[in-house]
Amino acid sequence: MNIVVCVKQIPDPAAPQSLDASHNLNRSGKLILDEADTYGVEMALQLVDKAGAGEVTVVSMGSAADVAGLRNASQWAPPRPSS
């Protein structure tokens, strides 16, 4: 079973937030995976584990420089057995 999970990276809620000159949220700080999306990734991993085979692909829109949350999600998966 192959599953694709769409996720969004958000500014860390624990960090101080500020607005830029056009009153938009300043996203220059640390980005993390949205908490609700972490549940989706975890459920996908459980479904693949229950099926016995497959993989989970995590997809997000955004800057290529902001991949910390995606890297974090990729660490949740158990290692693939080598062939």
Foldseek 3Di string as FASTA:
>chain_A
DEEEQEWEWDADPVDDWDADPVRHTDRPDAIAIDPVSLVVLVVVLVVCVVVVHYYYHYDYDDDPVRCPRVVVSVVVHDDDDDD
